[in-house]
Amino acid sequence: MASGRTWVSATQSLPDYQPMNPDYAAAQLLQLQAALAQAEQAEQVAEQALAQARALRAECSHRYHNAVVGARTQVLAQYGLDSHVVALVGLTRKSDRRRPTRRQAPAQ
C-alpha cells in the first residue's frame, strides 16, 4: 500500500482529478502535507531541546550531589567524628553508633 506522500504526488499528476469534497482536493492535500512536515520538524526540535534539558539537569544533579558529599566530608574534618555539629547536619556521631556485639553460637 502506498504512503500518504505517494498519494499526494499521484493526485498532482492526475490532470482530471476533481473530488466532490473540496477537502480532498490536490491543493488541500499539499497544504496538509506541508503542515504535517512542519509539525514533525517542530516535534524534532522539541525532542532535542528536551534531551538537552535532561542532560543539563543530570549534570547539575551530579554536581549538587558531589558538593553535598564534599560538604559532609568537610564538616567531619573540621568538627570531628564525635562533634554535636555532626548530629546537627544529619550525620551519626561516632559515640552514637551501635557497638558490635559477639554472636552467640547456636545451642546444639
N, C-alpha and C. Protein backbone atom coordinates (compact mmCIF):
# COMPACT_ATOMS: atom_id res chain seq x y z
N MET A 1 0.85 -1.18 0.00
CA MET A 1 0.00 0.00 0.00
C MET A 1 0.89 1.24 0.00
N ALA A 2 0.53 2.21 -0.75
CA ALA A 2 1.34 3.42 -0.90
C ALA A 2 1.15 4.34 0.30
N SER A 3 2.18 5.14 0.56
CA SER A 3 2.11 6.07 1.69
C SER A 3 1.32 7.30 1.30
N GLY A 4 1.05 8.15 2.29
CA GLY A 4 0.31 9.38 2.04
C GLY A 4 1.01 10.30 1.08
N ARG A 5 2.34 10.37 1.19
CA ARG A 5 3.10 11.25 0.30
C ARG A 5 2.99 10.77 -1.15
N THR A 6 2.96 9.46 -1.34
CA THR A 6 2.82 8.91 -2.68
C THR A 6 1.45 9.25 -3.25
N TRP A 7 0.42 9.20 -2.41
CA TRP A 7 -0.93 9.52 -2.88
C TRP A 7 -1.02 10.98 -3.28
N VAL A 8 -0.40 11.86 -2.51
CA VAL A 8 -0.44 13.28 -2.85
C VAL A 8 0.27 13.52 -4.18
N SER A 9 1.41 12.88 -4.35
CA SER A 9 2.14 13.02 -5.61
C SER A 9 1.31 12.47 -6.77
N ALA A 10 0.63 11.38 -6.53
CA ALA A 10 -0.19 10.78 -7.59
C ALA A 10 -1.34 11.68 -7.96
N THR A 11 -1.97 12.32 -6.98
CA THR A 11 -3.08 13.21 -7.30
C THR A 11 -2.62 14.44 -8.07
N GLN A 12 -1.39 14.87 -7.83
CA GLN A 12 -0.84 16.01 -8.56
C GLN A 12 -0.66 15.69 -10.04
N SER A 13 -0.38 14.43 -10.33
CA SER A 13 -0.13 14.04 -11.72
C SER A 13 -1.41 13.73 -12.49
N LEU A 14 -2.55 13.73 -11.81
CA LEU A 14 -3.83 13.47 -12.49
C LEU A 14 -4.45 14.79 -12.93
N PRO A 15 -4.47 15.06 -14.21
CA PRO A 15 -5.00 16.36 -14.67
C PRO A 15 -6.51 16.51 -14.48
N ASP A 16 -7.25 15.41 -14.45
CA ASP A 16 -8.70 15.49 -14.35
C ASP A 16 -9.22 15.15 -12.95
N TYR A 17 -8.35 15.18 -11.94
CA TYR A 17 -8.79 14.86 -10.57
C TYR A 17 -9.57 16.03 -9.99
N GLN A 18 -10.85 15.85 -9.79
CA GLN A 18 -11.75 16.85 -9.23
C GLN A 18 -12.65 16.15 -8.21
N PRO A 19 -12.24 16.07 -6.93
CA PRO A 19 -13.07 15.36 -5.96
C PRO A 19 -14.35 16.13 -5.65
N MET A 20 -15.36 15.42 -5.25
CA MET A 20 -16.64 16.03 -4.89
C MET A 20 -16.48 16.87 -3.61
N ASN A 21 -15.68 16.38 -2.69
CA ASN A 21 -15.44 17.09 -1.43
C ASN A 21 -14.18 17.93 -1.61
N PRO A 22 -14.25 19.25 -1.44
CA PRO A 22 -13.06 20.09 -1.65
C PRO A 22 -11.96 19.85 -0.61
N ASP A 23 -12.28 19.17 0.48
CA ASP A 23 -11.25 18.86 1.48
C ASP A 23 -10.21 17.89 0.93
N TYR A 24 -10.58 17.18 -0.13
CA TYR A 24 -9.68 16.18 -0.70
C TYR A 24 -9.03 16.66 -2.00
N ALA A 25 -9.13 17.93 -2.28
CA ALA A 25 -8.52 18.48 -3.49
C ALA A 25 -7.00 18.40 -3.38
N ALA A 26 -6.35 18.39 -4.50
CA ALA A 26 -4.89 18.25 -4.54
C ALA A 26 -4.20 19.39 -3.80
N ALA A 27 -4.70 20.59 -3.95
CA ALA A 27 -4.09 21.74 -3.26
C ALA A 27 -4.24 21.60 -1.74
N GLN A 28 -5.41 21.13 -1.32
CA GLN A 28 -5.65 20.94 0.12
C GLN A 28 -4.73 19.85 0.67
N LEU A 29 -4.55 18.79 -0.10
CA LEU A 29 -3.64 17.72 0.32
C LEU A 29 -2.21 18.23 0.46
N LEU A 30 -1.79 19.09 -0.46
CA LEU A 30 -0.44 19.67 -0.38
C LEU A 30 -0.28 20.54 0.86
N GLN A 31 -1.31 21.33 1.17
CA GLN A 31 -1.25 22.16 2.37
C GLN A 31 -1.16 21.31 3.63
N LEU A 32 -1.95 20.25 3.68
CA LEU A 32 -1.91 19.37 4.84
C LEU A 32 -0.57 18.64 4.96
N GLN A 33 -0.02 18.26 3.82
CA GLN A 33 1.29 17.60 3.82
C GLN A 33 2.36 18.56 4.34
N ALA A 34 2.31 19.82 3.93
CA ALA A 34 3.27 20.82 4.40
C ALA A 34 3.10 21.07 5.90
N ALA A 35 1.85 21.12 6.36
CA ALA A 35 1.59 21.32 7.79
C ALA A 35 2.12 20.15 8.61
N LEU A 36 1.96 18.94 8.08
CA LEU A 36 2.47 17.76 8.76
C LEU A 36 3.99 17.80 8.84
N ALA A 37 4.64 18.16 7.75
CA ALA A 37 6.11 18.24 7.75
C ALA A 37 6.59 19.28 8.75
N GLN A 38 5.88 20.40 8.82
CA GLN A 38 6.26 21.45 9.77
C GLN A 38 6.05 20.97 11.21
N ALA A 39 4.97 20.26 11.47
CA ALA A 39 4.72 19.73 12.82
C ALA A 39 5.76 18.69 13.21
N GLU A 40 6.15 17.85 12.27
CA GLU A 40 7.19 16.85 12.54
C GLU A 40 8.52 17.52 12.86
N GLN A 41 8.84 18.57 12.12
CA GLN A 41 10.09 19.29 12.37
C GLN A 41 10.05 19.97 13.75
N ALA A 42 8.91 20.56 14.10
CA ALA A 42 8.77 21.19 15.42
C ALA A 42 8.90 20.15 16.52
N GLU A 43 8.37 18.95 16.29
CA GLU A 43 8.49 17.87 17.27
C GLU A 43 9.95 17.46 17.46
N GLN A 44 10.70 17.36 16.37
CA GLN A 44 12.12 17.01 16.47
C GLN A 44 12.89 18.07 17.24
N VAL A 45 12.59 19.33 16.98
CA VAL A 45 13.27 20.43 17.70
C VAL A 45 12.94 20.34 19.19
N ALA A 46 11.68 20.07 19.50
CA ALA A 46 11.26 19.96 20.90
C ALA A 46 11.93 18.76 21.58
N GLU A 47 12.04 17.64 20.87
CA GLU A 47 12.70 16.46 21.43
C GLU A 47 14.18 16.74 21.70
N GLN A 48 14.83 17.47 20.80
CA GLN A 48 16.24 17.82 21.01
C GLN A 48 16.38 18.76 22.20
N ALA A 49 15.47 19.71 22.34
CA ALA A 49 15.50 20.63 23.47
C ALA A 49 15.28 19.87 24.78
N LEU A 50 14.37 18.91 24.76
CA LEU A 50 14.12 18.10 25.95
C LEU A 50 15.35 17.27 26.32
N ALA A 51 16.00 16.70 25.33
CA ALA A 51 17.21 15.92 25.59
C ALA A 51 18.31 16.80 26.18
N GLN A 52 18.44 18.02 25.67
CA GLN A 52 19.44 18.94 26.22
C GLN A 52 19.08 19.35 27.64
N ALA A 53 17.80 19.58 27.91
CA ALA A 53 17.38 19.95 29.26
C ALA A 53 17.61 18.81 30.23
N ARG A 54 17.36 17.59 29.81
CA ARG A 54 17.60 16.43 30.68
C ARG A 54 19.09 16.25 30.96
N ALA A 55 19.91 16.47 29.95
CA ALA A 55 21.35 16.35 30.14
C ALA A 55 21.85 17.42 31.11
N LEU A 56 21.34 18.63 30.99
CA LEU A 56 21.72 19.71 31.90
C LEU A 56 21.28 19.40 33.33
N ARG A 57 20.05 18.88 33.47
CA ARG A 57 19.56 18.52 34.80
C ARG A 57 20.41 17.41 35.42
N ALA A 58 20.79 16.44 34.63
CA ALA A 58 21.61 15.35 35.15
C ALA A 58 22.98 15.88 35.58
N GLU A 59 23.56 16.77 34.78
CA GLU A 59 24.85 17.34 35.14
C GLU A 59 24.75 18.16 36.43
N CYS A 60 23.71 18.98 36.53
CA CYS A 60 23.52 19.77 37.75
C CYS A 60 23.27 18.88 38.96
N SER A 61 22.54 17.81 38.77
CA SER A 61 22.26 16.88 39.85
C SER A 61 23.55 16.23 40.36
N HIS A 62 24.41 15.81 39.44
CA HIS A 62 25.68 15.20 39.84
C HIS A 62 26.57 16.20 40.56
N ARG A 63 26.61 17.42 40.04
CA ARG A 63 27.44 18.44 40.69
C ARG A 63 26.91 18.76 42.08
N TYR A 64 25.60 18.85 42.23
CA TYR A 64 24.99 19.11 43.54
C TYR A 64 25.30 17.97 44.52
N HIS A 65 25.13 16.74 44.06
CA HIS A 65 25.40 15.58 44.91
C HIS A 65 26.86 15.58 45.37
N ASN A 66 27.77 15.80 44.44
CA ASN A 66 29.19 15.81 44.79
C ASN A 66 29.51 16.94 45.76
N ALA A 67 28.85 18.09 45.61
CA ALA A 67 29.07 19.20 46.53
C ALA A 67 28.57 18.87 47.93
N VAL A 68 27.41 18.20 48.02
CA VAL A 68 26.87 17.81 49.32
C VAL A 68 27.79 16.79 49.99
N VAL A 69 28.27 15.83 49.24
CA VAL A 69 29.19 14.83 49.81
C VAL A 69 30.48 15.51 50.27
N GLY A 70 30.98 16.46 49.48
CA GLY A 70 32.18 17.19 49.87
C GLY A 70 31.96 18.02 51.12
N ALA A 71 30.79 18.67 51.22
CA ALA A 71 30.49 19.46 52.42
C ALA A 71 30.39 18.56 53.65
N ARG A 72 29.81 17.40 53.50
CA ARG A 72 29.71 16.44 54.61
C ARG A 72 31.11 16.04 55.08
N THR A 73 31.99 15.78 54.14
CA THR A 73 33.36 15.42 54.48
C THR A 73 34.06 16.57 55.19
N GLN A 74 33.80 17.80 54.74
CA GLN A 74 34.42 18.97 55.36
C GLN A 74 33.92 19.16 56.79
N VAL A 75 32.63 18.92 57.03
CA VAL A 75 32.09 19.04 58.40
C VAL A 75 32.77 18.02 59.30
N LEU A 76 32.90 16.80 58.82
CA LEU A 76 33.56 15.76 59.62
C LEU A 76 35.02 16.12 59.89
N ALA A 77 35.69 16.66 58.88
CA ALA A 77 37.09 17.01 59.04
C ALA A 77 37.27 18.21 59.97
N GLN A 78 36.39 19.18 59.88
CA GLN A 78 36.54 20.39 60.67
C GLN A 78 36.11 20.19 62.12
N TYR A 79 35.03 19.48 62.35
CA TYR A 79 34.49 19.39 63.70
C TYR A 79 34.77 18.07 64.40
N GLY A 80 35.17 17.07 63.67
CA GLY A 80 35.48 15.78 64.27
C GLY A 80 34.30 14.83 64.17
N LEU A 81 34.61 13.54 64.30
CA LEU A 81 33.60 12.50 64.11
C LEU A 81 32.58 12.44 65.23
N ASP A 82 32.91 13.00 66.41
CA ASP A 82 32.03 12.87 67.56
C ASP A 82 31.44 14.21 67.99
N SER A 83 31.50 15.21 67.15
CA SER A 83 31.01 16.54 67.49
C SER A 83 29.49 16.60 67.43
N HIS A 84 28.91 17.52 68.20
CA HIS A 84 27.46 17.73 68.16
C HIS A 84 27.05 18.33 66.83
N VAL A 85 27.93 19.05 66.19
CA VAL A 85 27.64 19.64 64.88
C VAL A 85 27.38 18.54 63.85
N VAL A 86 28.06 17.43 63.99
CA VAL A 86 27.86 16.30 63.08
C VAL A 86 26.41 15.84 63.16
N ALA A 87 25.86 15.79 64.37
CA ALA A 87 24.46 15.39 64.53
C ALA A 87 23.52 16.47 63.98
N LEU A 88 23.90 17.73 64.08
CA LEU A 88 23.05 18.81 63.58
C LEU A 88 22.87 18.76 62.07
N VAL A 89 23.88 18.32 61.35
CA VAL A 89 23.77 18.25 59.89
C VAL A 89 23.20 16.92 59.41
N GLY A 90 22.76 16.08 60.33
CA GLY A 90 22.09 14.85 59.95
C GLY A 90 22.95 13.61 59.89
N LEU A 91 24.18 13.70 60.34
CA LEU A 91 25.05 12.52 60.36
C LEU A 91 25.00 11.89 61.74
N THR A 92 25.50 10.70 61.87
CA THR A 92 25.55 10.00 63.15
C THR A 92 26.91 10.20 63.79
N ARG A 93 26.86 10.64 65.04
CA ARG A 93 28.11 10.82 65.77
C ARG A 93 28.75 9.47 66.04
N LYS A 94 30.06 9.48 66.19
CA LYS A 94 30.78 8.23 66.40
C LYS A 94 30.34 7.57 67.70
N SER A 95 30.10 8.37 68.75
CA SER A 95 29.70 7.78 70.04
C SER A 95 28.26 7.26 70.01
N ASP A 96 27.47 7.67 69.03
CA ASP A 96 26.09 7.20 68.94
C ASP A 96 25.96 5.93 68.12
N ARG A 97 27.03 5.49 67.53
CA ARG A 97 26.96 4.27 66.73
C ARG A 97 26.85 3.06 67.65
N ARG A 98 26.18 2.05 67.19
CA ARG A 98 26.00 0.84 67.97
C ARG A 98 27.30 0.06 68.01
N ARG A 99 27.63 -0.39 69.17
CA ARG A 99 28.85 -1.18 69.33
C ARG A 99 28.63 -2.60 68.79
N PRO A 100 29.63 -3.16 68.16
CA PRO A 100 29.47 -4.54 67.69
C PRO A 100 29.41 -5.51 68.87
N THR A 101 28.58 -6.48 68.76
CA THR A 101 28.46 -7.49 69.82
C THR A 101 28.80 -8.85 69.23
N ARG A 102 29.26 -9.72 70.11
CA ARG A 102 29.56 -11.08 69.67
C ARG A 102 28.28 -11.85 69.48
N ARG A 103 28.33 -12.67 68.49
CA ARG A 103 27.17 -13.52 68.23
C ARG A 103 27.29 -14.77 69.06
N GLN A 104 26.18 -15.18 69.58
CA GLN A 104 26.15 -16.42 70.35
C GLN A 104 26.07 -17.59 69.37
N ALA A 105 26.85 -18.60 69.65
CA ALA A 105 26.79 -19.80 68.82
C ALA A 105 25.44 -20.47 69.08
N PRO A 106 24.83 -21.01 68.06
CA PRO A 106 23.54 -21.68 68.27
C PRO A 106 23.70 -22.88 69.19
N ALA A 107 22.76 -23.03 70.11
CA ALA A 107 22.81 -24.15 71.05
C ALA A 107 22.52 -25.44 70.29
N GLN A 108 23.35 -26.44 70.62
CA GLN A 108 23.17 -27.71 69.92
C GLN A 108 22.71 -28.79 70.86
